[in-house]
Amino acid sequence: TITYSIYFKTMITIQATVRSKYGIHARPSMHLYKAAEQFPDTEITITDLTNNTKAKADSILQLMLLSSGFGSIVSISASGGDEKKAAEAIAKVIETFEADIE
C-alpha cells in the first residue's frame, strides 16, 4: 500500500510600487533585508513585474540586482511563518523608502 501525503503551504502575494526616485539600490536593499530578517520563518520573494526579475528578500545582492526603478511595480510573495505581516512589512519599505541622496 502506498500512502501519499500532500502538504499545502499557504502563500500571500501583494503588489507595491517603488516610490523612491532612485529605485531599489544598495540602501533600500539593506532596509528590505532588515525587514525580512524580522520574519525568519517566512520565505519572501520579490518579483519586479516591469523587468521580470526576482530576488529573495534575505539576499542583499539579489535585491540590488532587481534593478527596480522609480514607478516599477513589484509583487511580494511570502509563505510560512507570518506571511501576511511579512509581505506588508516589505511592501511598506518599498512604498515609503525615500533616499536622502542629493
N, C-alpha and C. Protein backbone atom coordinates (compact mmCIF):
# COMPACT_ATOMS: atom_id res chain seq x y z
N THR A 1 0.84 -1.17 0.00
CA THR A 1 0.00 0.00 0.00
C THR A 1 0.88 1.24 0.00
N ILE A 2 0.56 2.18 -0.86
CA ILE A 2 1.29 3.45 -0.94
C ILE A 2 0.39 4.53 -0.38
N THR A 3 0.94 5.30 0.50
CA THR A 3 0.20 6.42 1.10
C THR A 3 0.87 7.72 0.68
N TYR A 4 0.08 8.63 0.20
CA TYR A 4 0.59 9.94 -0.21
C TYR A 4 0.15 11.00 0.78
N SER A 5 1.05 11.84 1.14
CA SER A 5 0.72 12.98 1.99
C SER A 5 1.07 14.24 1.22
N ILE A 6 0.12 15.10 1.11
CA ILE A 6 0.34 16.36 0.39
C ILE A 6 0.19 17.49 1.39
N TYR A 7 1.20 18.31 1.47
CA TYR A 7 1.18 19.46 2.37
C TYR A 7 1.11 20.72 1.52
N PHE A 8 0.14 21.52 1.80
CA PHE A 8 -0.01 22.77 1.08
C PHE A 8 0.53 23.91 1.93
N LYS A 9 1.41 24.68 1.36
CA LYS A 9 1.90 25.87 2.04
C LYS A 9 0.95 27.01 1.72
N THR A 10 0.69 27.80 2.71
CA THR A 10 -0.09 28.99 2.43
C THR A 10 0.87 30.05 1.90
N MET A 11 0.38 30.89 1.05
CA MET A 11 1.20 31.96 0.47
C MET A 11 0.32 33.17 0.26
N ILE A 12 0.90 34.30 0.48
CA ILE A 12 0.20 35.55 0.20
C ILE A 12 1.05 36.33 -0.80
N THR A 13 0.39 36.98 -1.72
CA THR A 13 1.08 37.81 -2.71
C THR A 13 0.38 39.16 -2.76
N ILE A 14 1.19 40.22 -2.64
CA ILE A 14 0.65 41.57 -2.76
C ILE A 14 1.55 42.37 -3.70
N GLN A 15 1.04 43.46 -4.20
CA GLN A 15 1.82 44.31 -5.10
C GLN A 15 2.12 45.65 -4.44
N ALA A 16 3.25 46.22 -4.85
CA ALA A 16 3.65 47.53 -4.36
C ALA A 16 4.34 48.28 -5.49
N THR A 17 4.38 49.58 -5.38
CA THR A 17 5.04 50.42 -6.38
C THR A 17 6.26 51.06 -5.75
N VAL A 18 7.39 51.00 -6.47
CA VAL A 18 8.63 51.61 -5.99
C VAL A 18 8.45 53.13 -6.05
N ARG A 19 8.53 53.78 -4.89
CA ARG A 19 8.30 55.23 -4.81
C ARG A 19 9.60 56.04 -4.74
N SER A 20 10.71 55.38 -4.41
CA SER A 20 11.98 56.10 -4.34
C SER A 20 12.42 56.53 -5.74
N LYS A 21 12.76 57.80 -5.89
CA LYS A 21 13.15 58.27 -7.22
C LYS A 21 14.42 57.61 -7.73
N TYR A 22 15.18 56.98 -6.82
CA TYR A 22 16.41 56.28 -7.22
C TYR A 22 16.19 54.78 -7.37
N GLY A 23 14.98 54.31 -7.14
CA GLY A 23 14.68 52.89 -7.27
C GLY A 23 15.25 52.08 -6.11
N ILE A 24 15.34 50.78 -6.31
CA ILE A 24 15.89 49.90 -5.28
C ILE A 24 17.37 49.73 -5.57
N HIS A 25 18.18 50.37 -4.76
CA HIS A 25 19.64 50.30 -4.88
C HIS A 25 20.17 49.76 -3.55
N ALA A 26 21.39 50.04 -3.20
CA ALA A 26 22.02 49.46 -2.01
C ALA A 26 21.28 49.78 -0.71
N ARG A 27 20.97 51.05 -0.49
CA ARG A 27 20.35 51.43 0.78
C ARG A 27 18.95 50.83 0.96
N PRO A 28 18.05 50.96 0.00
CA PRO A 28 16.75 50.31 0.21
C PRO A 28 16.86 48.79 0.26
N SER A 29 17.83 48.22 -0.43
CA SER A 29 18.03 46.77 -0.34
C SER A 29 18.36 46.36 1.09
N MET A 30 19.18 47.16 1.75
CA MET A 30 19.52 46.89 3.14
C MET A 30 18.27 46.98 4.03
N HIS A 31 17.43 47.97 3.79
CA HIS A 31 16.21 48.12 4.58
C HIS A 31 15.24 46.96 4.32
N LEU A 32 15.17 46.51 3.08
CA LEU A 32 14.32 45.36 2.76
C LEU A 32 14.83 44.11 3.46
N TYR A 33 16.15 43.93 3.42
CA TYR A 33 16.78 42.78 4.07
C TYR A 33 16.49 42.80 5.58
N LYS A 34 16.63 43.96 6.20
CA LYS A 34 16.38 44.08 7.64
C LYS A 34 14.91 43.81 7.97
N ALA A 35 14.00 44.25 7.09
CA ALA A 35 12.57 43.97 7.31
C ALA A 35 12.32 42.47 7.21
N ALA A 36 12.96 41.82 6.24
CA ALA A 36 12.78 40.37 6.06
C ALA A 36 13.35 39.59 7.24
N GLU A 37 14.43 40.10 7.83
CA GLU A 37 15.05 39.44 8.99
C GLU A 37 14.10 39.31 10.17
N GLN A 38 13.12 40.18 10.24
CA GLN A 38 12.15 40.14 11.34
C GLN A 38 11.22 38.93 11.24
N PHE A 39 11.26 38.23 10.09
CA PHE A 39 10.39 37.09 9.84
C PHE A 39 11.23 35.89 9.39
N PRO A 40 12.02 35.31 10.30
CA PRO A 40 12.96 34.25 9.92
C PRO A 40 12.28 32.97 9.42
N ASP A 41 11.03 32.75 9.79
CA ASP A 41 10.33 31.54 9.36
C ASP A 41 9.52 31.74 8.08
N THR A 42 9.68 32.90 7.46
CA THR A 42 8.91 33.23 6.27
C THR A 42 9.83 33.38 5.07
N GLU A 43 9.48 32.72 3.98
CA GLU A 43 10.24 32.85 2.73
C GLU A 43 9.59 33.97 1.92
N ILE A 44 10.37 35.00 1.61
CA ILE A 44 9.84 36.17 0.91
C ILE A 44 10.56 36.34 -0.42
N THR A 45 9.79 36.44 -1.48
CA THR A 45 10.34 36.66 -2.82
C THR A 45 9.72 37.92 -3.40
N ILE A 46 10.56 38.74 -4.00
CA ILE A 46 10.10 39.97 -4.65
C ILE A 46 10.33 39.82 -6.14
N THR A 47 9.30 40.06 -6.93
CA THR A 47 9.40 39.98 -8.38
C THR A 47 9.07 41.35 -8.97
N ASP A 48 9.99 41.87 -9.76
CA ASP A 48 9.73 43.13 -10.46
C ASP A 48 8.91 42.79 -11.70
N LEU A 49 7.67 43.23 -11.73
CA LEU A 49 6.79 42.91 -12.84
C LEU A 49 7.10 43.75 -14.09
N THR A 50 7.91 44.78 -13.93
CA THR A 50 8.28 45.63 -15.05
C THR A 50 9.38 44.97 -15.88
N ASN A 51 10.41 44.42 -15.21
CA ASN A 51 11.52 43.81 -15.95
C ASN A 51 11.65 42.31 -15.71
N ASN A 52 10.66 41.71 -15.00
CA ASN A 52 10.58 40.27 -14.77
C ASN A 52 11.82 39.68 -14.09
N THR A 53 12.35 40.37 -13.07
CA THR A 53 13.45 39.83 -12.30
C THR A 53 12.94 39.47 -10.90
N LYS A 54 13.61 38.49 -10.27
CA LYS A 54 13.19 38.02 -8.95
C LYS A 54 14.34 38.08 -7.98
N ALA A 55 13.99 38.23 -6.70
CA ALA A 55 15.00 38.23 -5.64
C ALA A 55 14.40 37.68 -4.37
N LYS A 56 15.22 36.96 -3.64
CA LYS A 56 14.85 36.53 -2.29
C LYS A 56 15.14 37.71 -1.37
N ALA A 57 14.24 37.99 -0.46
CA ALA A 57 14.41 39.15 0.42
C ALA A 57 15.52 38.97 1.44
N ASP A 58 16.04 37.75 1.56
CA ASP A 58 17.13 37.53 2.51
C ASP A 58 18.50 37.61 1.84
N SER A 59 18.55 38.18 0.62
CA SER A 59 19.81 38.35 -0.10
C SER A 59 19.94 39.80 -0.59
N ILE A 60 20.81 40.55 0.05
CA ILE A 60 21.00 41.95 -0.35
C ILE A 60 21.46 42.04 -1.80
N LEU A 61 22.35 41.14 -2.21
CA LEU A 61 22.84 41.17 -3.60
C LEU A 61 21.71 40.93 -4.59
N GLN A 62 20.87 39.94 -4.33
CA GLN A 62 19.74 39.69 -5.23
C GLN A 62 18.81 40.89 -5.27
N LEU A 63 18.59 41.51 -4.12
CA LEU A 63 17.71 42.68 -4.07
C LEU A 63 18.26 43.83 -4.91
N MET A 64 19.58 44.05 -4.83
CA MET A 64 20.19 45.12 -5.63
C MET A 64 20.11 44.79 -7.12
N LEU A 65 20.20 43.50 -7.46
CA LEU A 65 20.15 43.10 -8.87
C LEU A 65 18.74 43.13 -9.46
N LEU A 66 17.75 43.39 -8.64
CA LEU A 66 16.39 43.55 -9.16
C LEU A 66 16.32 44.67 -10.19
N SER A 67 17.13 45.69 -9.97
CA SER A 67 17.16 46.86 -10.86
C SER A 67 15.78 47.50 -11.00
N SER A 68 15.06 47.55 -9.92
CA SER A 68 13.72 48.16 -9.93
C SER A 68 13.85 49.67 -9.83
N GLY A 69 13.36 50.35 -10.83
CA GLY A 69 13.43 51.80 -10.86
C GLY A 69 12.17 52.43 -10.31
N PHE A 70 12.20 53.76 -10.23
CA PHE A 70 11.04 54.51 -9.78
C PHE A 70 9.82 54.13 -10.61
N GLY A 71 8.72 53.85 -9.93
CA GLY A 71 7.48 53.51 -10.61
C GLY A 71 7.31 52.05 -10.97
N SER A 72 8.36 51.25 -10.75
CA SER A 72 8.25 49.82 -11.03
C SER A 72 7.21 49.19 -10.11
N ILE A 73 6.46 48.26 -10.64
CA ILE A 73 5.50 47.52 -9.84
C ILE A 73 6.14 46.18 -9.48
N VAL A 74 6.14 45.87 -8.20
CA VAL A 74 6.72 44.62 -7.74
C VAL A 74 5.65 43.78 -7.04
N SER A 75 5.83 42.47 -7.14
CA SER A 75 4.97 41.51 -6.48
C SER A 75 5.76 40.92 -5.32
N ILE A 76 5.16 40.89 -4.15
CA ILE A 76 5.81 40.35 -2.96
C ILE A 76 5.07 39.09 -2.57
N SER A 77 5.77 37.95 -2.60
CA SER A 77 5.18 36.67 -2.22
C SER A 77 5.84 36.21 -0.93
N ALA A 78 5.02 35.81 0.02
CA ALA A 78 5.54 35.33 1.30
C ALA A 78 4.82 34.05 1.68
N SER A 79 5.59 33.08 2.19
CA SER A 79 4.99 31.83 2.64
C SER A 79 5.67 31.36 3.91
N GLY A 80 4.88 30.70 4.75
CA GLY A 80 5.39 30.20 6.01
C GLY A 80 5.43 31.29 7.06
N GLY A 81 5.44 30.88 8.31
CA GLY A 81 5.52 31.87 9.38
C GLY A 81 4.35 32.83 9.35
N ASP A 82 4.63 34.09 9.45
CA ASP A 82 3.59 35.12 9.45
C ASP A 82 3.63 35.85 8.11
N GLU A 83 3.20 35.15 7.06
CA GLU A 83 3.36 35.68 5.71
C GLU A 83 2.65 37.00 5.45
N LYS A 84 1.49 37.20 6.04
CA LYS A 84 0.76 38.45 5.81
C LYS A 84 1.54 39.65 6.35
N LYS A 85 1.98 39.56 7.61
CA LYS A 85 2.75 40.66 8.20
C LYS A 85 4.07 40.86 7.47
N ALA A 86 4.70 39.78 7.05
CA ALA A 86 5.98 39.88 6.34
C ALA A 86 5.81 40.60 5.01
N ALA A 87 4.81 40.20 4.24
CA ALA A 87 4.57 40.84 2.94
C ALA A 87 4.22 42.31 3.11
N GLU A 88 3.42 42.62 4.12
CA GLU A 88 3.05 44.02 4.36
C GLU A 88 4.25 44.85 4.80
N ALA A 89 5.15 44.27 5.59
CA ALA A 89 6.35 44.99 6.04
C ALA A 89 7.26 45.31 4.85
N ILE A 90 7.42 44.34 3.95
CA ILE A 90 8.25 44.56 2.75
C ILE A 90 7.60 45.61 1.86
N ALA A 91 6.29 45.51 1.66
CA ALA A 91 5.58 46.49 0.83
C ALA A 91 5.71 47.90 1.40
N LYS A 92 5.65 48.01 2.71
CA LYS A 92 5.78 49.33 3.35
C LYS A 92 7.15 49.94 3.06
N VAL A 93 8.21 49.14 3.15
CA VAL A 93 9.55 49.66 2.84
C VAL A 93 9.61 50.11 1.38
N ILE A 94 9.07 49.30 0.48
CA ILE A 94 9.14 49.63 -0.96
C ILE A 94 8.37 50.91 -1.25
N GLU A 95 7.23 51.07 -0.62
CA GLU A 95 6.38 52.22 -0.95
C GLU A 95 6.73 53.49 -0.18
N THR A 96 7.47 53.38 0.91
CA THR A 96 7.75 54.57 1.71
C THR A 96 9.22 54.97 1.75
N PHE A 97 10.12 54.11 1.27
CA PHE A 97 11.53 54.45 1.35
C PHE A 97 11.83 55.63 0.45
N GLU A 98 12.49 56.62 1.01
CA GLU A 98 12.94 57.78 0.23
C GLU A 98 14.38 58.04 0.58
N ALA A 99 15.24 57.91 -0.39
CA ALA A 99 16.68 58.10 -0.17
C ALA A 99 16.97 59.54 0.19
N ASP A 100 17.98 59.71 1.01
CA ASP A 100 18.40 61.06 1.38
C ASP A 100 19.65 61.47 0.59
N ILE A 101 19.72 60.97 -0.64
CA ILE A 101 20.87 61.29 -1.50
C ILE A 101 20.52 62.51 -2.35
N GLU A 102 21.37 63.42 -2.42
CA GLU A 102 21.16 64.59 -3.29
C GLU A 102 22.43 64.98 -3.98
